[in-house]
C-alpha cells in the first residue's frame, strides 16, 4: 500500500480482488484500515518524492503539534578548536583569514533539511586592524558576519591601536557585543553572534596558542572550515562532533545520528523529520 492510495485503487489490486471473492467486502475494508495504520507507524509524515527539495514534508496539522509527528533533537553541541602551529603564535605582521562556521538557531523546524534554523557564520580575523587590509572577502550566503578588526566593529574607537597579538580576544568581544543588525564589511547581520556561539581564548597576549568556538545549541552541523591562513601557520578542527537523537522516550540519547553530513547537506531519513533544537547550553 502507498500513501494517498484510494479505496478504489486498493480494490483494483489482484490480491484484494481475490480477498473480496473469498471472504467478502468487509474483510477488504478491514485490511485497508490495517494497511493505513501500518504506514503511519512506518513513517509519520507524508512523502512528496516528486516535490521540490526545499518543500516541507509535513502538513500544517502536523506542524500544529499532531501526536503522530516524531521529532529529532540535538544530543551534543559541536566544539571547534583553533591551534597555532609551533612557533607561529607570536605573529606581528598583517594577516587576514576567515573561518566558515555552521550553527543552529530556533526552536522547532519543519523544513526539509531543517534549513530554516541552520545558519552560516563568517568569522574574519585581521591582525592589522585596518579596514584596508580586509579585501577580497565575500560575505554572500552568510547569515552573520563578525570580525576581529577594531575599526570594523560597530561602535569601536577608531583611535585604538593595532590589535596584533590579541585579535582572538577582540573576536571574543565582538561576538559578545555585536547586535543582530550590525553592519560588518558592508554586510547587514540578521542574527546576534552570541546567540549562535561562544568564543573562548587561551590568552589575550601574542602567546595565545588556542581558541575554541562552541555552538550554543546542540545538534549536527556541517564541519567548520578555514581559508586564507598560510600553510603551516595554524589549523582548526572539530574537537567535539555535534549530533542528534530522537526527542523523548527510551530512544533519546540511546540512538545517535546526524541529520546533516560534514558539508551541511541533508541526510535522509532524518532530514525529513521535524527538528526541535533543544536547550541552549549555559
Protein backbone atom coordinates (compact mmCIF):
# COMPACT_ATOMS: atom_id res chain seq x y z
CA UNK A 1 0.00 0.00 0.00
CA UNK A 2 1.16 3.54 -0.74
CA UNK A 3 0.40 6.94 0.74
CA UNK A 4 -2.76 8.52 -0.68
CA UNK A 5 -3.88 5.22 -2.19
CA UNK A 6 -7.65 5.39 -2.50
CA UNK A 7 -10.12 2.65 -1.71
CA UNK A 8 -10.77 2.27 -5.45
CA UNK A 9 -7.06 1.81 -6.21
CA UNK A 10 -6.75 -0.61 -3.32
CA UNK A 11 -9.56 -2.77 -4.66
CA UNK A 12 -8.02 -2.90 -8.15
CA UNK A 13 -5.08 -4.91 -6.81
CA UNK A 14 -5.43 -8.61 -7.79
CA UNK A 15 -4.84 -9.92 -4.27
CA UNK A 16 -7.58 -7.70 -2.88
CA UNK A 17 -9.99 -8.77 -5.61
CA UNK A 18 -9.31 -12.37 -4.61
CA UNK A 19 -9.86 -11.49 -0.95
CA UNK A 20 -13.25 -9.97 -1.79
CA UNK A 21 -14.32 -13.07 -3.71
CA UNK A 22 -13.21 -15.44 -0.94
CA UNK A 23 -14.12 -13.54 2.27
CA UNK A 24 -16.30 -10.63 1.25
CA UNK A 25 -16.09 -6.84 1.14
CA UNK A 26 -15.84 -6.41 4.93
CA UNK A 27 -12.58 -8.34 5.02
CA UNK A 28 -11.21 -5.99 2.36
CA UNK A 29 -12.21 -2.91 4.36
CA UNK A 30 -10.53 -4.32 7.45
CA UNK A 31 -7.32 -4.95 5.53
CA UNK A 32 -7.46 -1.43 4.05
CA UNK A 33 -7.68 0.13 7.51
CA UNK A 34 -4.86 -2.08 8.84
CA UNK A 35 -2.60 -1.06 5.95
CA UNK A 36 -3.29 2.62 6.58
CA UNK A 37 -2.37 2.28 10.25
CA UNK A 38 0.77 0.31 9.44
CA UNK A 39 2.04 3.01 7.04
CA UNK A 40 1.56 5.69 9.69
CA UNK A 41 3.77 3.77 12.09
CA UNK A 42 6.50 3.24 9.49
CA UNK A 43 6.75 6.93 8.66
CA UNK A 44 4.58 9.56 10.37
CA UNK A 45 4.99 12.07 7.56
CA UNK A 46 3.59 12.27 4.07
CA UNK A 47 6.23 11.60 1.42
CA UNK A 48 6.41 14.02 -1.51
CA UNK A 49 9.13 12.43 -3.57
CA UNK A 50 8.39 14.45 -6.71
CA UNK A 51 8.20 17.80 -4.93
CA UNK A 52 10.94 20.44 -4.77
CA UNK A 53 13.83 19.62 -2.45
CA UNK A 54 13.13 22.59 -0.17
CA UNK A 55 9.47 21.71 0.39
CA UNK A 56 8.32 21.00 3.91
CA UNK A 57 7.35 17.35 4.25
CA UNK A 58 4.78 17.69 6.99
CA UNK A 59 1.27 19.03 6.88
CA UNK A 60 0.06 22.13 8.77
CA UNK A 61 -1.81 19.80 11.10
CA UNK A 62 1.43 18.03 11.97
CA UNK A 63 3.21 21.35 12.42
CA UNK A 64 0.48 22.30 14.85
CA UNK A 65 1.56 19.55 17.22
CA UNK A 66 -0.17 16.41 15.93
CA UNK A 67 0.64 13.41 18.06
CA UNK A 68 1.82 11.32 15.09
CA UNK A 69 4.85 13.52 14.39
CA UNK A 70 8.21 12.24 15.64
CA UNK A 71 10.77 14.94 16.45
CA UNK A 72 14.52 14.72 16.43
CA UNK A 73 16.59 16.97 18.65
CA UNK A 74 20.17 17.89 19.42
CA UNK A 75 22.22 15.49 21.52
CA UNK A 76 25.67 17.11 21.55
CA UNK A 77 26.85 20.65 20.74
CA UNK A 78 29.73 20.96 18.31
CA UNK A 79 33.02 22.43 19.52
CA UNK A 80 35.81 23.59 17.20
CA UNK A 81 39.38 24.32 18.28
CA UNK A 82 41.93 26.55 16.54
CA UNK A 83 45.59 25.80 17.22
CA UNK A 84 48.63 27.81 16.20
CA UNK A 85 51.47 25.79 14.78
CA UNK A 86 54.54 25.64 17.00
CA UNK A 87 56.49 28.91 16.96
CA UNK A 88 53.90 30.89 15.00
CA UNK A 89 51.73 32.27 17.81
CA UNK A 90 53.75 35.48 18.02
CA UNK A 91 52.92 36.71 14.53
CA UNK A 92 53.13 40.51 14.42
CA UNK A 93 52.66 41.26 10.72
CA UNK A 94 49.44 41.76 8.79
CA UNK A 95 47.41 38.58 8.45
CA UNK A 96 43.80 38.12 7.35
CA UNK A 97 41.98 34.79 7.28
CA UNK A 98 38.43 33.54 7.72
CA UNK A 99 36.60 30.71 9.46
CA UNK A 100 33.37 29.35 7.98
CA UNK A 101 31.18 28.12 10.81
CA UNK A 102 27.80 26.34 10.90
CA UNK A 103 25.35 26.64 13.79
CA UNK A 104 21.72 26.08 14.79
CA UNK A 105 19.17 28.68 15.83
CA UNK A 106 15.49 28.48 16.68
CA UNK A 107 13.07 26.16 18.43
CA UNK A 108 11.15 23.87 16.08
CA UNK A 109 11.82 23.50 12.37
CA UNK A 110 9.59 21.61 9.92
CA UNK A 111 11.51 22.46 6.74
CA UNK A 112 13.32 19.80 4.72
CA UNK A 113 16.92 19.58 5.88
CA UNK A 114 15.97 21.96 8.69
CA UNK A 115 17.23 24.83 6.58
CA UNK A 116 15.11 27.35 8.47
CA UNK A 117 17.24 27.08 11.59
CA UNK A 118 20.64 26.13 10.16
CA UNK A 119 22.77 29.28 9.97
CA UNK A 120 26.13 30.08 8.41
CA UNK A 121 28.58 32.34 10.19
CA UNK A 122 31.68 34.04 8.74
CA UNK A 123 34.45 34.99 11.18
CA UNK A 124 37.03 37.36 9.72
CA UNK A 125 40.37 37.65 11.53
CA UNK A 126 42.54 40.65 10.74
CA UNK A 127 45.70 41.20 12.79
CA UNK A 128 46.43 44.63 11.30
CA UNK A 129 43.06 46.02 12.45
CA UNK A 130 42.73 48.26 9.41
CA UNK A 131 39.76 48.17 7.09
CA UNK A 132 42.05 48.40 4.06
CA UNK A 133 43.57 45.04 4.97
CA UNK A 134 40.21 43.25 4.74
CA UNK A 135 39.80 42.90 0.99
CA UNK A 136 38.58 40.23 -1.38
CA UNK A 137 36.36 38.50 1.20
CA UNK A 138 32.88 37.54 0.04
CA UNK A 139 30.05 37.74 2.58
CA UNK A 140 27.48 36.24 0.21
CA UNK A 141 25.44 33.35 1.57
CA UNK A 142 26.04 34.03 5.27
CA UNK A 143 23.55 34.90 7.98
CA UNK A 144 26.02 36.68 10.25
CA UNK A 145 29.48 38.19 9.78
CA UNK A 146 31.80 39.10 12.64
CA UNK A 147 35.39 40.37 12.57
CA UNK A 148 38.27 40.87 14.95
CA UNK A 149 39.17 44.19 13.37
CA UNK A 150 38.60 47.03 15.84
CA UNK A 151 37.89 49.54 13.07
CA UNK A 152 35.20 47.28 11.63
CA UNK A 153 33.49 46.64 14.96
CA UNK A 154 30.30 48.63 15.42
CA UNK A 155 30.80 51.46 17.91
CA UNK A 156 34.55 50.93 18.18
CA UNK A 157 37.01 53.71 18.89
CA UNK A 158 38.86 54.30 15.60
CA UNK A 159 41.83 55.66 17.58
CA UNK A 160 42.53 52.29 19.18
CA UNK A 161 45.94 50.89 18.35
CA UNK A 162 46.70 47.73 16.43
CA UNK A 163 45.40 44.53 17.98
CA UNK A 164 48.26 42.42 16.67
CA UNK A 165 48.72 39.60 19.16
CA UNK A 166 45.31 39.98 20.76
CA UNK A 167 42.97 39.61 17.77
CA UNK A 168 41.44 36.44 19.19
CA UNK A 169 40.39 38.33 22.31
CA UNK A 170 38.92 41.08 20.11
CA UNK A 171 36.91 38.45 18.23
CA UNK A 172 35.53 37.26 21.55
CA UNK A 173 34.47 40.82 22.45
CA UNK A 174 32.88 41.32 19.04
CA UNK A 175 30.84 38.12 19.31
CA UNK A 176 29.61 39.08 22.76
CA UNK A 177 28.77 42.70 21.90
CA UNK A 178 27.69 42.73 18.27
CA UNK A 179 23.98 43.34 17.68
CA UNK A 180 21.65 41.40 15.38
CA UNK A 181 21.54 44.35 12.96
CA UNK A 182 25.22 45.34 12.97
CA UNK A 183 26.79 46.22 9.62
CA UNK A 184 30.12 44.44 9.17
CA UNK A 185 32.21 44.66 5.99
CA UNK A 186 29.16 46.14 4.27
CA UNK A 187 27.02 43.15 5.31
CA UNK A 188 23.94 43.69 7.47
CA UNK A 189 23.56 40.89 10.00
CA UNK A 190 20.26 39.24 10.84
CA UNK A 191 21.43 37.42 13.98
CA UNK A 192 23.41 38.41 17.05
CA UNK A 193 26.56 36.21 17.01
CA UNK A 194 26.32 35.43 20.72
CA UNK A 195 23.01 33.62 20.14
CA UNK A 196 24.85 31.10 17.95
CA UNK A 197 28.26 30.53 19.55
CA UNK A 198 30.54 31.20 22.46
CA UNK A 199 34.19 32.09 21.80
CA UNK A 200 36.92 31.45 24.35
CA UNK A 201 40.60 32.41 24.09
CA UNK A 202 43.55 30.93 25.92
CA UNK A 203 45.17 34.34 26.43
CA UNK A 204 44.94 37.96 25.27
CA UNK A 205 48.66 38.13 24.55
CA UNK A 206 50.69 37.16 21.50
CA UNK A 207 51.45 33.84 23.15
CA UNK A 208 47.87 32.58 22.71
CA UNK A 209 48.02 29.03 21.40
CA UNK A 210 44.35 28.09 21.01
CA UNK A 211 40.80 29.32 21.00
CA UNK A 212 37.55 27.39 20.95
CA UNK A 213 34.20 28.04 19.23
CA UNK A 214 31.28 26.26 20.90
CA UNK A 215 27.77 26.11 19.45
CA UNK A 216 25.21 27.35 21.94
CA UNK A 217 22.64 24.81 20.76
CA UNK A 218 23.06 21.08 20.45
CA UNK A 219 22.77 19.33 17.11
CA UNK A 220 24.51 18.10 13.97
CA UNK A 221 26.07 20.78 11.77
CA UNK A 222 28.45 20.83 8.84
CA UNK A 223 32.12 20.82 9.72
CA UNK A 224 33.98 24.08 10.21
CA UNK A 225 36.47 25.18 7.53
CA UNK A 226 39.09 27.87 7.16
CA UNK A 227 40.67 29.82 4.28
CA UNK A 228 43.40 32.41 3.91
CA UNK A 229 45.66 31.05 6.65
CA UNK A 230 49.23 30.50 5.38
CA UNK A 231 50.11 26.81 5.26
CA UNK A 232 51.67 25.55 8.47
CA UNK A 233 50.67 28.61 10.50
CA UNK A 234 47.56 27.29 12.21
CA UNK A 235 44.65 24.92 11.82
CA UNK A 236 41.10 24.39 13.04
CA UNK A 237 39.43 21.07 13.75
CA UNK A 238 36.28 19.56 15.22
CA UNK A 239 37.11 18.71 18.83
CA UNK A 240 33.54 17.63 19.70
CA UNK A 241 31.21 16.44 16.94
CA UNK A 242 27.66 17.75 17.11
CA UNK A 243 24.98 15.10 16.66
CA UNK A 244 21.28 14.37 17.04
CA UNK A 245 18.94 11.91 18.73
CA UNK A 246 15.20 11.22 18.97
CA UNK A 247 13.30 13.53 21.24
CA UNK A 248 11.80 11.88 24.32
CA UNK A 249 11.12 8.25 25.09
CA UNK A 250 13.62 5.47 25.58
CA UNK A 251 15.40 6.30 22.31
CA UNK A 252 16.55 9.73 23.49
CA UNK A 253 20.32 9.55 23.84
CA UNK A 254 20.49 5.85 23.01
CA UNK A 255 20.31 6.28 19.22
CA UNK A 256 22.78 8.86 17.89
CA UNK A 257 22.83 10.10 14.29
CA UNK A 258 23.48 13.19 12.17
CA UNK A 259 20.72 14.88 10.18
CA UNK A 260 23.34 16.64 8.03
CA UNK A 261 26.70 15.47 6.69
CA UNK A 262 30.08 17.19 7.17
CA UNK A 263 29.27 19.53 4.26
CA UNK A 264 25.94 20.58 5.81
CA UNK A 265 23.88 18.57 3.28
CA UNK A 266 20.68 16.83 4.46
CA UNK A 267 20.91 13.17 5.44
CA UNK A 268 17.77 11.08 4.93
CA UNK A 269 15.56 9.96 6.54
CA UNK A 270 16.48 12.26 9.45
CA UNK A 271 16.38 15.43 7.35
CA UNK A 272 12.65 14.82 6.75
CA UNK A 273 11.67 14.69 10.40
CA UNK A 274 10.68 17.83 12.32
CA UNK A 275 13.53 19.19 14.41
CA UNK A 276 13.45 20.65 17.90
CA UNK A 277 16.74 22.37 18.56
CA UNK A 278 16.58 21.66 22.28
CA UNK A 279 18.07 23.55 25.19
CA UNK A 280 20.59 26.36 24.96
CA UNK A 281 23.88 25.45 26.58
CA UNK A 282 24.92 27.57 29.54
